[in-house]
């Protein structure tokens, strides 16, 4: 099982870049990624806008944690064409027969939702 986390958007409705905002001891992006612990072998993070910041955040997440899954950074050069292009980019990287897709700014989704 794998997961695609969509983190390519502009955060245009927020006053800041949502993915790296702190939420407890983690960023919003890490809160979302962490839900796949014990469920997935790999999490694919699709970035676009602020891709360098997302890539740096992933490096930080990997260096500070020992998740059981791999985290793969993917750049969507067509992020400005909408979320569907990020979904396509993420799907092109999937190697597993089944996978999850979630926006990166949904950190409050409970892990048990993915377990069913």
PDB file of N, CA and C in Angstrom:
ATOM      1  N   UNK A   1       0.846  -1.174   0.000  1.00  0.00           N
ATOM      2  CA  UNK A   1       0.000   0.000   0.000  1.00  0.00           C
ATOM      3  C   UNK A   1       0.892   1.238   0.000  1.00  0.00           C
ATOM      4  N   UNK A   2       0.484   2.223  -0.760  1.00  0.00           N
ATOM      5  CA  UNK A   2       1.196   3.497  -0.811  1.00  0.00           C
ATOM      6  C   UNK A   2       0.199   4.635  -0.609  1.00  0.00           C
ATOM      7  N   UNK A   3       0.722   5.835  -0.459  1.00  0.00           N
ATOM      8  CA  UNK A   3      -0.125   7.014  -0.304  1.00  0.00           C
ATOM      9  C   UNK A   3       0.441   8.151  -1.145  1.00  0.00           C
ATOM     10  N   UNK A   4      -0.463   8.944  -1.684  1.00  0.00           N
ATOM     11  CA  UNK A   4      -0.102  10.172  -2.390  1.00  0.00           C
ATOM     12  C   UNK A   4      -0.607  11.333  -1.541  1.00  0.00           C
ATOM     13  N   UNK A   5       0.299  12.235  -1.195  1.00  0.00           N
ATOM     14  CA  UNK A   5      -0.055  13.424  -0.437  1.00  0.00           C
ATOM     15  C   UNK A   5       0.145  14.621  -1.359  1.00  0.00           C
ATOM     16  N   UNK A   6      -0.927  15.341  -1.594  1.00  0.00           N
ATOM     17  CA  UNK A   6      -0.912  16.478  -2.518  1.00  0.00           C
ATOM     18  C   UNK A   6      -0.513  17.742  -1.762  1.00  0.00           C
ATOM     19  N   UNK A   7       0.638  18.297  -2.140  1.00  0.00           N
ATOM     20  CA  UNK A   7       1.170  19.478  -1.450  1.00  0.00           C
ATOM     21  C   UNK A   7       1.676  20.499  -2.459  1.00  0.00           C
ATOM     22  N   UNK A   8       0.960  20.654  -3.560  1.00  0.00           N
ATOM     23  CA  UNK A   8       1.425  21.510  -4.657  1.00  0.00           C
ATOM     24  C   UNK A   8       0.706  22.844  -4.752  1.00  0.00           C
ATOM     25  N   UNK A   9      -0.309  23.048  -3.939  1.00  0.00           N
ATOM     26  CA  UNK A   9      -1.154  24.233  -4.073  1.00  0.00           C
ATOM     27  C   UNK A   9      -0.531  25.521  -3.569  1.00  0.00           C
ATOM     28  N   UNK A  10      -1.230  26.597  -3.872  1.00  0.00           N
ATOM     29  CA  UNK A  10      -0.762  27.945  -3.550  1.00  0.00           C
ATOM     30  C   UNK A  10      -1.059  28.386  -2.116  1.00  0.00           C
ATOM     31  N   UNK A  11      -1.917  27.691  -1.407  1.00  0.00           N
ATOM     32  CA  UNK A  11      -2.380  28.133  -0.072  1.00  0.00           C
ATOM     33  C   UNK A  11      -2.992  29.527  -0.179  1.00  0.00           C
ATOM     34  N   UNK A  12      -3.691  29.776  -1.260  1.00  0.00           N
ATOM     35  CA  UNK A  12      -4.191  31.125  -1.562  1.00  0.00           C
ATOM     36  C   UNK A  12      -5.255  31.627  -0.584  1.00  0.00           C
ATOM     37  N   UNK A  13      -5.960  30.730   0.091  1.00  0.00           N
ATOM     38  CA  UNK A  13      -6.982  31.178   1.041  1.00  0.00           C
ATOM     39  C   UNK A  13      -6.410  31.394   2.435  1.00  0.00           C
ATOM     40  N   UNK A  14      -5.170  31.018   2.618  1.00  0.00           N
ATOM     41  CA  UNK A  14      -4.520  31.188   3.932  1.00  0.00           C
ATOM     42  C   UNK A  14      -3.608  32.409   3.902  1.00  0.00           C
ATOM     43  N   UNK A  15      -3.252  32.875   5.058  1.00  0.00           N
ATOM     44  CA  UNK A  15      -2.324  34.007   5.160  1.00  0.00           C
ATOM     45  C   UNK A  15      -0.869  33.555   5.161  1.00  0.00           C
ATOM     46  N   UNK A  16      -0.656  32.240   5.067  1.00  0.00           N
ATOM     47  CA  UNK A  16       0.694  31.672   5.095  1.00  0.00           C
ATOM     48  C   UNK A  16       0.695  30.377   4.289  1.00  0.00           C
ATOM     49  N   UNK A  17       1.868  29.833   4.056  1.00  0.00           N
ATOM     50  CA  UNK A  17       1.975  28.557   3.351  1.00  0.00           C
ATOM     51  C   UNK A  17       1.594  27.450   4.329  1.00  0.00           C
ATOM     52  N   UNK A  18       0.450  26.818   4.097  1.00  0.00           N
ATOM     53  CA  UNK A  18      -0.149  25.895   5.064  1.00  0.00           C
ATOM     54  C   UNK A  18       0.705  24.678   5.389  1.00  0.00           C
ATOM     55  N   UNK A  19       1.380  24.122   4.422  1.00  0.00           N
ATOM     56  CA  UNK A  19       2.078  22.848   4.622  1.00  0.00           C
ATOM     57  C   UNK A  19       3.111  22.893   5.745  1.00  0.00           C
ATOM     58  N   UNK A  20       3.753  24.030   5.930  1.00  0.00           N
ATOM     59  CA  UNK A  20       4.815  24.109   6.936  1.00  0.00           C
ATOM     60  C   UNK A  20       4.382  24.819   8.223  1.00  0.00           C
ATOM     61  N   UNK A  21       3.116  25.160   8.319  1.00  0.00           N
ATOM     62  CA  UNK A  21       2.634  25.758   9.565  1.00  0.00           C
ATOM     63  C   UNK A  21       2.745  24.754  10.708  1.00  0.00           C
ATOM     64  N   UNK A  22       3.112  25.207  11.886  1.00  0.00           N
ATOM     65  CA  UNK A  22       3.200  24.279  13.019  1.00  0.00           C
ATOM     66  C   UNK A  22       1.821  23.852  13.502  1.00  0.00           C
ATOM     67  N   UNK A  23       1.754  22.589  13.884  1.00  0.00           N
ATOM     68  CA  UNK A  23       0.533  22.032  14.461  1.00  0.00           C
ATOM     69  C   UNK A  23       0.968  21.050  15.540  1.00  0.00           C
ATOM     70  N   UNK A  24       0.966  21.507  16.755  1.00  0.00           N
ATOM     71  CA  UNK A  24       1.539  20.710  17.833  1.00  0.00           C
ATOM     72  C   UNK A  24       3.045  20.646  17.655  1.00  0.00           C
ATOM     73  N   UNK A  25       3.588  19.452  17.748  1.00  0.00           N
ATOM     74  CA  UNK A  25       5.037  19.249  17.614  1.00  0.00           C
ATOM     75  C   UNK A  25       5.475  19.043  16.166  1.00  0.00           C
ATOM     76  N   UNK A  26       4.519  19.036  15.231  1.00  0.00           N
ATOM     77  CA  UNK A  26       4.823  18.758  13.823  1.00  0.00           C
ATOM     78  C   UNK A  26       4.286  19.868  12.937  1.00  0.00           C
ATOM     79  N   UNK A  27       4.681  19.833  11.680  1.00  0.00           N
ATOM     80  CA  UNK A  27       4.073  20.725  10.689  1.00  0.00           C
ATOM     81  C   UNK A  27       2.762  20.099  10.220  1.00  0.00           C
ATOM     82  N   UNK A  28       1.941  20.888   9.545  1.00  0.00           N
ATOM     83  CA  UNK A  28       0.690  20.374   8.974  1.00  0.00           C
ATOM     84  C   UNK A  28       0.995  19.203   8.035  1.00  0.00           C
ATOM     85  N   UNK A  29       2.018  19.351   7.194  1.00  0.00           N
ATOM     86  CA  UNK A  29       2.380  18.280   6.256  1.00  0.00           C
ATOM     87  C   UNK A  29       2.777  17.006   6.995  1.00  0.00           C
ATOM     88  N   UNK A  30       3.603  17.119   8.017  1.00  0.00           N
ATOM     89  CA  UNK A  30       3.999  15.911   8.747  1.00  0.00           C
ATOM     90  C   UNK A  30       2.829  15.277   9.480  1.00  0.00           C
ATOM     91  N   UNK A  31       1.943  16.088  10.028  1.00  0.00           N
ATOM     92  CA  UNK A  31       0.750  15.530  10.674  1.00  0.00           C
ATOM     93  C   UNK A  31      -0.017  14.653   9.684  1.00  0.00           C
ATOM     94  N   UNK A  32      -0.131  15.114   8.440  1.00  0.00           N
ATOM     95  CA  UNK A  32      -0.838  14.350   7.407  1.00  0.00           C
ATOM     96  C   UNK A  32      -0.055  13.089   7.052  1.00  0.00           C
ATOM     97  N   UNK A  33       1.231  13.239   6.792  1.00  0.00           N
ATOM     98  CA  UNK A  33       2.079  12.100   6.418  1.00  0.00           C
ATOM     99  C   UNK A  33       2.110  11.044   7.509  1.00  0.00           C
ATOM    100  N   UNK A  34       2.163  11.462   8.757  1.00  0.00           N
ATOM    101  CA  UNK A  34       2.314  10.526   9.881  1.00  0.00           C
ATOM    102  C   UNK A  34       1.156   9.541   9.998  1.00  0.00           C
ATOM    103  N   UNK A  35       0.012   9.863   9.445  1.00  0.00           N
ATOM    104  CA  UNK A  35      -1.157   8.978   9.528  1.00  0.00           C
ATOM    105  C   UNK A  35      -0.931   7.650   8.812  1.00  0.00           C
ATOM    106  N   UNK A  36       0.072   7.590   7.931  1.00  0.00           N
ATOM    107  CA  UNK A  36       0.307   6.385   7.145  1.00  0.00           C
ATOM    108  C   UNK A  36       1.304   5.427   7.799  1.00  0.00           C
ATOM    109  N   UNK A  37       1.765   5.763   8.998  1.00  0.00           N
ATOM    110  CA  UNK A  37       2.664   4.885   9.744  1.00  0.00           C
ATOM    111  C   UNK A  37       1.978   3.548   9.995  1.00  0.00           C
ATOM    112  N   UNK A  38       2.651   2.470   9.630  1.00  0.00           N
ATOM    113  CA  UNK A  38       2.103   1.132   9.825  1.00  0.00           C
ATOM    114  C   UNK A  38       1.105   0.704   8.759  1.00  0.00           C
ATOM    115  N   UNK A  39       0.768   1.592   7.848  1.00  0.00           N
ATOM    116  CA  UNK A  39      -0.203   1.271   6.794  1.00  0.00           C
ATOM    117  C   UNK A  39       0.424   1.199   5.404  1.00  0.00           C
ATOM    118  N   UNK A  40       1.413   2.030   5.175  1.00  0.00           N
ATOM    119  CA  UNK A  40       1.979   2.164   3.831  1.00  0.00           C
ATOM    120  C   UNK A  40       3.477   1.889   3.837  1.00  0.00           C
ATOM    121  N   UNK A  41       3.970   1.436   2.693  1.00  0.00           N
ATOM    122  CA  UNK A  41       5.406   1.234   2.544  1.00  0.00           C
ATOM    123  C   UNK A  41       6.080   2.475   1.971  1.00  0.00           C
ATOM    124  N   UNK A  42       5.263   3.336   1.355  1.00  0.00           N
ATOM    125  CA  UNK A  42       5.829   4.545   0.757  1.00  0.00           C
ATOM    126  C   UNK A  42       4.767   5.627   0.693  1.00  0.00           C
ATOM    127  N   UNK A  43       5.193   6.864   0.960  1.00  0.00           N
ATOM    128  CA  UNK A  43       4.333   8.035   0.840  1.00  0.00           C
ATOM    129  C   UNK A  43       4.963   8.945  -0.217  1.00  0.00           C
ATOM    130  N   UNK A  44       4.196   9.258  -1.231  1.00  0.00           N
ATOM    131  CA  UNK A  44       4.637  10.105  -2.332  1.00  0.00           C
ATOM    132  C   UNK A  44       4.069  11.500  -2.094  1.00  0.00           C
ATOM    133  N   UNK A  45       4.946  12.473  -1.918  1.00  0.00           N
ATOM    134  CA  UNK A  45       4.517  13.850  -1.686  1.00  0.00           C
ATOM    135  C   UNK A  45       4.695  14.615  -2.988  1.00  0.00           C
ATOM    136  N   UNK A  46       3.593  15.096  -3.545  1.00  0.00           N
ATOM    137  CA  UNK A  46       3.624  15.844  -4.801  1.00  0.00           C
ATOM    138  C   UNK A  46       3.633  17.334  -4.482  1.00  0.00           C
ATOM    139  N   UNK A  47       4.698  18.002  -4.893  1.00  0.00           N
ATOM    140  CA  UNK A  47       4.862  19.438  -4.651  1.00  0.00           C
ATOM    141  C   UNK A  47       4.804  20.199  -5.964  1.00  0.00           C
ATOM    142  N   UNK A  48       4.583  21.485  -5.839  1.00  0.00           N
ATOM    143  CA  UNK A  48       4.550  22.381  -7.002  1.00  0.00           C
ATOM    144  C   UNK A  48       4.963  23.758  -6.549  1.00  0.00           C
ATOM    145  N   UNK A  49       3.977  24.557  -6.146  1.00  0.00           N
ATOM    146  CA  UNK A  49       4.266  25.861  -5.564  1.00  0.00           C
ATOM    147  C   UNK A  49       5.076  25.649  -4.288  1.00  0.00           C
ATOM    148  N   UNK A  50       6.124  26.425  -4.117  1.00  0.00           N
ATOM    149  CA  UNK A  50       7.005  26.306  -2.939  1.00  0.00           C
ATOM    150  C   UNK A  50       7.632  24.912  -2.837  1.00  0.00           C
ATOM    151  N   UNK A  51       7.951  24.309  -3.972  1.00  0.00           N
ATOM    152  CA  UNK A  51       8.502  22.950  -3.990  1.00  0.00           C
ATOM    153  C   UNK A  51       9.785  22.833  -3.174  1.00  0.00           C
ATOM    154  N   UNK A  52      10.629  23.844  -3.227  1.00  0.00           N
ATOM    155  CA  UNK A  52      11.886  23.795  -2.462  1.00  0.00           C
ATOM    156  C   UNK A  52      11.593  23.734  -0.964  1.00  0.00           C
ATOM    157  N   UNK A  53      10.616  24.481  -0.514  1.00  0.00           N
ATOM    158  CA  UNK A  53      10.243  24.461   0.905  1.00  0.00           C
ATOM    159  C   UNK A  53       9.694  23.088   1.287  1.00  0.00           C
ATOM    160  N   UNK A  54       8.877  22.498   0.426  1.00  0.00           N
ATOM    161  CA  UNK A  54       8.336  21.158   0.680  1.00  0.00           C
ATOM    162  C   UNK A  54       9.475  20.142   0.744  1.00  0.00           C
ATOM    163  N   UNK A  55      10.406  20.240  -0.201  1.00  0.00           N
ATOM    164  CA  UNK A  55      11.538  19.318  -0.218  1.00  0.00           C
ATOM    165  C   UNK A  55      12.362  19.448   1.074  1.00  0.00           C
ATOM    166  N   UNK A  56      12.597  20.665   1.518  1.00  0.00           N
ATOM    167  CA  UNK A  56      13.318  20.888   2.773  1.00  0.00           C
ATOM    168  C   UNK A  56      12.551  20.324   3.966  1.00  0.00           C
ATOM    169  N   UNK A  57      11.241  20.476   3.950  1.00  0.00           N
ATOM    170  CA  UNK A  57      10.404  19.948   5.030  1.00  0.00           C
ATOM    171  C   UNK A  57      10.485  18.419   5.064  1.00  0.00           C
ATOM    172  N   UNK A  58      10.495  17.787   3.912  1.00  0.00           N
ATOM    173  CA  UNK A  58      10.604  16.326   3.848  1.00  0.00           C
ATOM    174  C   UNK A  58      11.955  15.869   4.388  1.00  0.00           C
ATOM    175  N   UNK A  59      13.020  16.557   4.016  1.00  0.00           N
ATOM    176  CA  UNK A  59      14.350  16.226   4.546  1.00  0.00           C
ATOM    177  C   UNK A  59      14.339  16.321   6.075  1.00  0.00           C
ATOM    178  N   UNK A  60      13.716  17.362   6.596  1.00  0.00           N
ATOM    179  CA  UNK A  60      13.614  17.553   8.048  1.00  0.00           C
ATOM    180  C   UNK A  60      12.797  16.420   8.677  1.00  0.00           C
ATOM    181  N   UNK A  61      11.680  16.075   8.070  1.00  0.00           N
ATOM    182  CA  UNK A  61      10.819  15.002   8.586  1.00  0.00           C
ATOM    183  C   UNK A  61      11.599  13.689   8.645  1.00  0.00           C
ATOM    184  N   UNK A  62      12.315  13.381   7.578  1.00  0.00           N
ATOM    185  CA  UNK A  62      13.082  12.133   7.517  1.00  0.00           C
ATOM    186  C   UNK A  62      14.195  12.126   8.560  1.00  0.00           C
ATOM    187  N   UNK A  63      14.878  13.262   8.711  1.00  0.00           N
ATOM    188  CA  UNK A  63      16.023  13.302   9.637  1.00  0.00           C
ATOM    189  C   UNK A  63      15.600  13.250  11.100  1.00  0.00           C
ATOM    190  N   UNK A  64      14.391  13.702  11.411  1.00  0.00           N
ATOM    191  CA  UNK A  64      13.952  13.769  12.802  1.00  0.00           C
ATOM    192  C   UNK A  64      13.082  12.599  13.240  1.00  0.00           C
ATOM    193  N   UNK A  65      12.721  11.717  12.302  1.00  0.00           N
ATOM    194  CA  UNK A  65      11.787  10.635  12.619  1.00  0.00           C
ATOM    195  C   UNK A  65      12.248   9.320  12.019  1.00  0.00           C
ATOM    196  N   UNK A  66      11.722   8.248  12.558  1.00  0.00           N
ATOM    197  CA  UNK A  66      12.030   6.917  12.049  1.00  0.00           C
ATOM    198  C   UNK A  66      10.735   6.249  11.578  1.00  0.00           C
ATOM    199  N   UNK A  67      10.102   6.833  10.579  1.00  0.00           N
ATOM    200  CA  UNK A  67       8.881   6.231  10.045  1.00  0.00           C
ATOM    201  C   UNK A  67       9.214   4.920   9.347  1.00  0.00           C
ATOM    202  N   UNK A  68       8.265   4.012   9.333  1.00  0.00           N
ATOM    203  CA  UNK A  68       8.476   2.702   8.716  1.00  0.00           C
ATOM    204  C   UNK A  68       8.311   2.750   7.191  1.00  0.00           C
ATOM    205  N   UNK A  69       7.923   3.876   6.659  1.00  0.00           N
ATOM    206  CA  UNK A  69       7.729   4.003   5.216  1.00  0.00           C
ATOM    207  C   UNK A  69       8.760   4.954   4.617  1.00  0.00           C
ATOM    208  N   UNK A  70       8.939   4.837   3.307  1.00  0.00           N
ATOM    209  CA  UNK A  70       9.783   5.775   2.576  1.00  0.00           C
ATOM    210  C   UNK A  70       8.946   6.994   2.216  1.00  0.00           C
ATOM    211  N   UNK A  71       9.587   8.136   2.120  1.00  0.00           N
ATOM    212  CA  UNK A  71       8.928   9.343   1.646  1.00  0.00           C
ATOM    213  C   UNK A  71       9.613   9.748   0.354  1.00  0.00           C
ATOM    214  N   UNK A  72       8.828   9.856  -0.707  1.00  0.00           N
ATOM    215  CA  UNK A  72       9.364  10.253  -2.003  1.00  0.00           C
ATOM    216  C   UNK A  72       8.826  11.627  -2.374  1.00  0.00           C
ATOM    217  N   UNK A  73       9.726  12.526  -2.721  1.00  0.00           N
ATOM    218  CA  UNK A  73       9.367  13.866  -3.186  1.00  0.00           C
ATOM    219  C   UNK A  73       9.220  13.820  -4.702  1.00  0.00           C
ATOM    220  N   UNK A  74       8.116  14.378  -5.198  1.00  0.00           N
ATOM    221  CA  UNK A  74       7.872  14.461  -6.641  1.00  0.00           C
ATOM    222  C   UNK A  74       7.463  15.892  -6.966  1.00  0.00           C
ATOM    223  N   UNK A  75       8.084  16.445  -7.997  1.00  0.00           N
ATOM    224  CA  UNK A  75       7.734  17.802  -8.427  1.00  0.00           C
ATOM    225  C   UNK A  75       6.752  17.738  -9.589  1.00  0.00           C
ATOM    226  N   UNK A  76       5.646  18.450  -9.455  1.00  0.00           N
ATOM    227  CA  UNK A  76       4.659  18.566 -10.528  1.00  0.00           C
ATOM    228  C   UNK A  76       4.854  19.908 -11.223  1.00  0.00           C
ATOM    229  N   UNK A  77       5.462  19.858 -12.375  1.00  0.00           N
ATOM    230  CA  UNK A  77       5.727  21.089 -13.130  1.00  0.00           C
ATOM    231  C   UNK A  77       4.441  21.752 -13.648  1.00  0.00           C
ATOM    232  N   UNK A  78       3.325  21.026 -13.629  1.00  0.00           N
ATOM    233  CA  UNK A  78       2.044  21.571 -14.085  1.00  0.00           C
ATOM    234  C   UNK A  78       1.094  21.883 -12.925  1.00  0.00           C
ATOM    235  N   UNK A  79       1.646  22.154 -11.756  1.00  0.00           N
ATOM    236  CA  UNK A  79       0.816  22.380 -10.567  1.00  0.00           C
ATOM    237  C   UNK A  79      -0.159  23.542 -10.755  1.00  0.00           C
ATOM    238  N   UNK A  80       0.221  24.521 -11.567  1.00  0.00           N
ATOM    239  CA  UNK A  80      -0.639  25.685 -11.775  1.00  0.00           C
ATOM    240  C   UNK A  80      -1.889  25.355 -12.583  1.00  0.00           C
ATOM    241  N   UNK A  81      -1.980  24.137 -13.096  1.00  0.00           N
ATOM    242  CA  UNK A  81      -3.162  23.715 -13.855  1.00  0.00           C
ATOM    243  C   UNK A  81      -4.195  22.995 -12.990  1.00  0.00           C
ATOM    244  N   UNK A  82      -3.942  22.927 -11.701  1.00  0.00           N
ATOM    245  CA  UNK A  82      -4.936  22.385 -10.782  1.00  0.00           C
ATOM    246  C   UNK A  82      -4.560  21.065 -10.146  1.00  0.00           C
ATOM    247  N   UNK A  83      -5.349  20.685  -9.154  1.00  0.00           N
ATOM    248  CA  UNK A  83      -5.083  19.499  -8.356  1.00  0.00           C
ATOM    249  C   UNK A  83      -5.075  18.210  -9.174  1.00  0.00           C
ATOM    250  N   UNK A  84      -5.904  18.128 -10.197  1.00  0.00           N
ATOM    251  CA  UNK A  84      -5.964  16.895 -10.979  1.00  0.00           C
ATOM    252  C   UNK A  84      -4.612  16.559 -11.595  1.00  0.00           C
ATOM    253  N   UNK A  85      -3.854  17.571 -11.984  1.00  0.00           N
ATOM    254  CA  UNK A  85      -2.522  17.329 -12.543  1.00  0.00           C
ATOM    255  C   UNK A  85      -1.573  16.768 -11.479  1.00  0.00           C
ATOM    256  N   UNK A  86      -1.747  17.200 -10.251  1.00  0.00           N
ATOM    257  CA  UNK A  86      -0.941  16.644  -9.157  1.00  0.00           C
ATOM    258  C   UNK A  86      -1.343  15.200  -8.872  1.00  0.00           C
ATOM    259  N   UNK A  87      -2.622  14.906  -8.952  1.00  0.00           N
ATOM    260  CA  UNK A  87      -3.081  13.524  -8.786  1.00  0.00           C
ATOM    261  C   UNK A  87      -2.475  12.643  -9.873  1.00  0.00           C
ATOM    262  N   UNK A  88      -2.510  13.114 -11.106  1.00  0.00           N
ATOM    263  CA  UNK A  88      -1.917  12.345 -12.211  1.00  0.00           C
ATOM    264  C   UNK A  88      -0.429  12.113 -11.987  1.00  0.00           C
ATOM    265  N   UNK A  89       0.278  13.147 -11.561  1.00  0.00           N
ATOM    266  CA  UNK A  89       1.720  13.035 -11.311  1.00  0.00           C
ATOM    267  C   UNK A  89       1.985  12.015 -10.204  1.00  0.00           C
ATOM    268  N   UNK A  90       1.225  12.095  -9.148  1.00  0.00           N
ATOM    269  CA  UNK A  90       1.388  11.136  -8.053  1.00  0.00           C
ATOM    270  C   UNK A  90       1.077   9.715  -8.485  1.00  0.00           C
ATOM    271  N   UNK A  91      -0.005   9.538  -9.225  1.00  0.00           N
ATOM    272  CA  UNK A  91      -0.389   8.202  -9.697  1.00  0.00           C
ATOM    273  C   UNK A  91       0.672   7.594 -10.609  1.00  0.00           C
ATOM    274  N   UNK A  92       1.365   8.424 -11.360  1.00  0.00           N
ATOM    275  CA  UNK A  92       2.414   7.908 -12.250  1.00  0.00           C
ATOM    276  C   UNK A  92       3.611   7.365 -11.472  1.00  0.00           C
ATOM    277  N   UNK A  93       3.700   7.684 -10.183  1.00  0.00           N
ATOM    278  CA  UNK A  93       4.807   7.229  -9.331  1.00  0.00           C
ATOM    279  C   UNK A  93       4.445   6.011  -8.488  1.00  0.00           C
ATOM    280  N   UNK A  94       3.177   5.652  -8.444  1.00  0.00           N
ATOM    281  CA  UNK A  94       2.718   4.556  -7.586  1.00  0.00           C
ATOM    282  C   UNK A  94       3.191   3.212  -8.145  1.00  0.00           C
ATOM    283  N   UNK A  95       3.715   2.371  -7.245  1.00  0.00           N
ATOM    284  CA  UNK A  95       4.148   1.023  -7.611  1.00  0.00           C
ATOM    285  C   UNK A  95       3.259  -0.062  -7.018  1.00  0.00           C
ATOM    286  N   UNK A  96       2.421   0.290  -6.083  1.00  0.00           N
ATOM    287  CA  UNK A  96       1.584  -0.676  -5.370  1.00  0.00           C
ATOM    288  C   UNK A  96       0.235  -0.850  -6.074  1.00  0.00           C
ATOM    289  N   UNK A  97      -0.423  -1.990  -5.865  1.00  0.00           N
ATOM    290  CA  UNK A  97      -1.741  -2.193  -6.482  1.00  0.00           C
ATOM    291  C   UNK A  97      -2.846  -1.343  -5.852  1.00  0.00           C
ATOM    292  N   UNK A  98      -2.632  -0.875  -4.622  1.00  0.00           N
ATOM    293  CA  UNK A  98      -3.618  -0.022  -3.962  1.00  0.00           C
ATOM    294  C   UNK A  98      -2.902   1.164  -3.325  1.00  0.00           C
ATOM    295  N   UNK A  99      -3.635   2.279  -3.227  1.00  0.00           N
ATOM    296  CA  UNK A  99      -3.039   3.482  -2.650  1.00  0.00           C
ATOM    297  C   UNK A  99      -4.117   4.435  -2.170  1.00  0.00           C
ATOM    298  N   UNK A 100      -3.708   5.321  -1.298  1.00  0.00           N
ATOM    299  CA  UNK A 100      -4.547   6.399  -0.786  1.00  0.00           C
ATOM    300  C   UNK A 100      -4.152   7.695  -1.486  1.00  0.00           C
ATOM    301  N   UNK A 101      -5.090   8.630  -1.568  1.00  0.00           N
ATOM    302  CA  UNK A 101      -4.804   9.993  -2.020  1.00  0.00           C
ATOM    303  C   UNK A 101      -5.417  10.936  -0.984  1.00  0.00           C
ATOM    304  N   UNK A 102      -4.628  11.917  -0.549  1.00  0.00           N
ATOM    305  CA  UNK A 102      -5.145  12.911   0.386  1.00  0.00           C
ATOM    306  C   UNK A 102      -4.471  14.255   0.153  1.00  0.00           C
ATOM    307  N   UNK A 103      -5.196  15.328   0.312  1.00  0.00           N
ATOM    308  CA  UNK A 103      -4.539  16.637   0.316  1.00  0.00           C
ATOM    309  C   UNK A 103      -3.607  16.733   1.525  1.00  0.00           C
ATOM    310  N   UNK A 104      -2.515  17.426   1.368  1.00  0.00           N
ATOM    311  CA  UNK A 104      -1.549  17.569   2.453  1.00  0.00           C
ATOM    312  C   UNK A 104      -2.038  18.423   3.595  1.00  0.00           C
ATOM    313  N   UNK A 105      -3.059  19.221   3.346  1.00  0.00           N
ATOM    314  CA  UNK A 105      -3.558  20.115   4.392  1.00  0.00           C
ATOM    315  C   UNK A 105      -4.786  19.551   5.104  1.00  0.00           C
ATOM    316  N   UNK A 106      -4.805  18.234   5.272  1.00  0.00           N
ATOM    317  CA  UNK A 106      -5.885  17.567   6.013  1.00  0.00           C
ATOM    318  C   UNK A 106      -5.312  16.792   7.198  1.00  0.00           C
ATOM    319  N   UNK A 107      -4.630  17.479   8.094  1.00  0.00           N
ATOM    320  CA  UNK A 107      -3.955  16.785   9.189  1.00  0.00           C
ATOM    321  C   UNK A 107      -4.889  16.218  10.247  1.00  0.00           C
ATOM    322  N   UNK A 108      -6.142  16.625  10.258  1.00  0.00           N
ATOM    323  CA  UNK A 108      -7.053  16.172  11.301  1.00  0.00           C
ATOM    324  C   UNK A 108      -7.821  14.910  10.932  1.00  0.00           C
ATOM    325  N   UNK A 109      -7.578  14.382   9.738  1.00  0.00           N
ATOM    326  CA  UNK A 109      -8.196  13.107   9.367  1.00  0.00           C
ATOM    327  C   UNK A 109      -7.582  12.032  10.272  1.00  0.00           C
ATOM    328  N   UNK A 110      -8.424  11.240  10.888  1.00  0.00           N
ATOM    329  CA  UNK A 110      -7.961  10.231  11.827  1.00  0.00           C
ATOM    330  C   UNK A 110      -7.356   9.037  11.098  1.00  0.00           C
ATOM    331  N   UNK A 111      -6.300   8.484  11.662  1.00  0.00           N
ATOM    332  CA  UNK A 111      -5.616   7.335  11.079  1.00  0.00           C
ATOM    333  C   UNK A 111      -6.564   6.160  10.877  1.00  0.00           C
ATOM    334  N   UNK A 112      -7.508   5.961  11.787  1.00  0.00           N
ATOM    335  CA  UNK A 112      -8.407   4.831  11.679  1.00  0.00           C
ATOM    336  C   UNK A 112      -9.268   4.891  10.422  1.00  0.00           C
ATOM    337  N   UNK A 113      -9.469   6.062   9.852  1.00  0.00           N
ATOM    338  CA  UNK A 113     -10.210   6.176   8.601  1.00  0.00           C
ATOM    339  C   UNK A 113      -9.484   5.433   7.481  1.00  0.00           C
ATOM    340  N   UNK A 114      -8.160   5.490   7.479  1.00  0.00           N
ATOM    341  CA  UNK A 114      -7.372   4.803   6.461  1.00  0.00           C
ATOM    342  C   UNK A 114      -7.285   3.312   6.716  1.00  0.00           C
ATOM    343  N   UNK A 115      -7.589   2.876   7.903  1.00  0.00           N
ATOM    344  CA  UNK A 115      -7.426   1.477   8.285  1.00  0.00           C
ATOM    345  C   UNK A 115      -8.584   0.590   7.866  1.00  0.00           C
ATOM    346  N   UNK A 116      -9.678   1.152   7.448  1.00  0.00           N
ATOM    347  CA  UNK A 116     -10.846   0.333   7.108  1.00  0.00           C
ATOM    348  C   UNK A 116     -10.757  -0.279   5.748  1.00  0.00           C
TER     349      UNK A 116
END
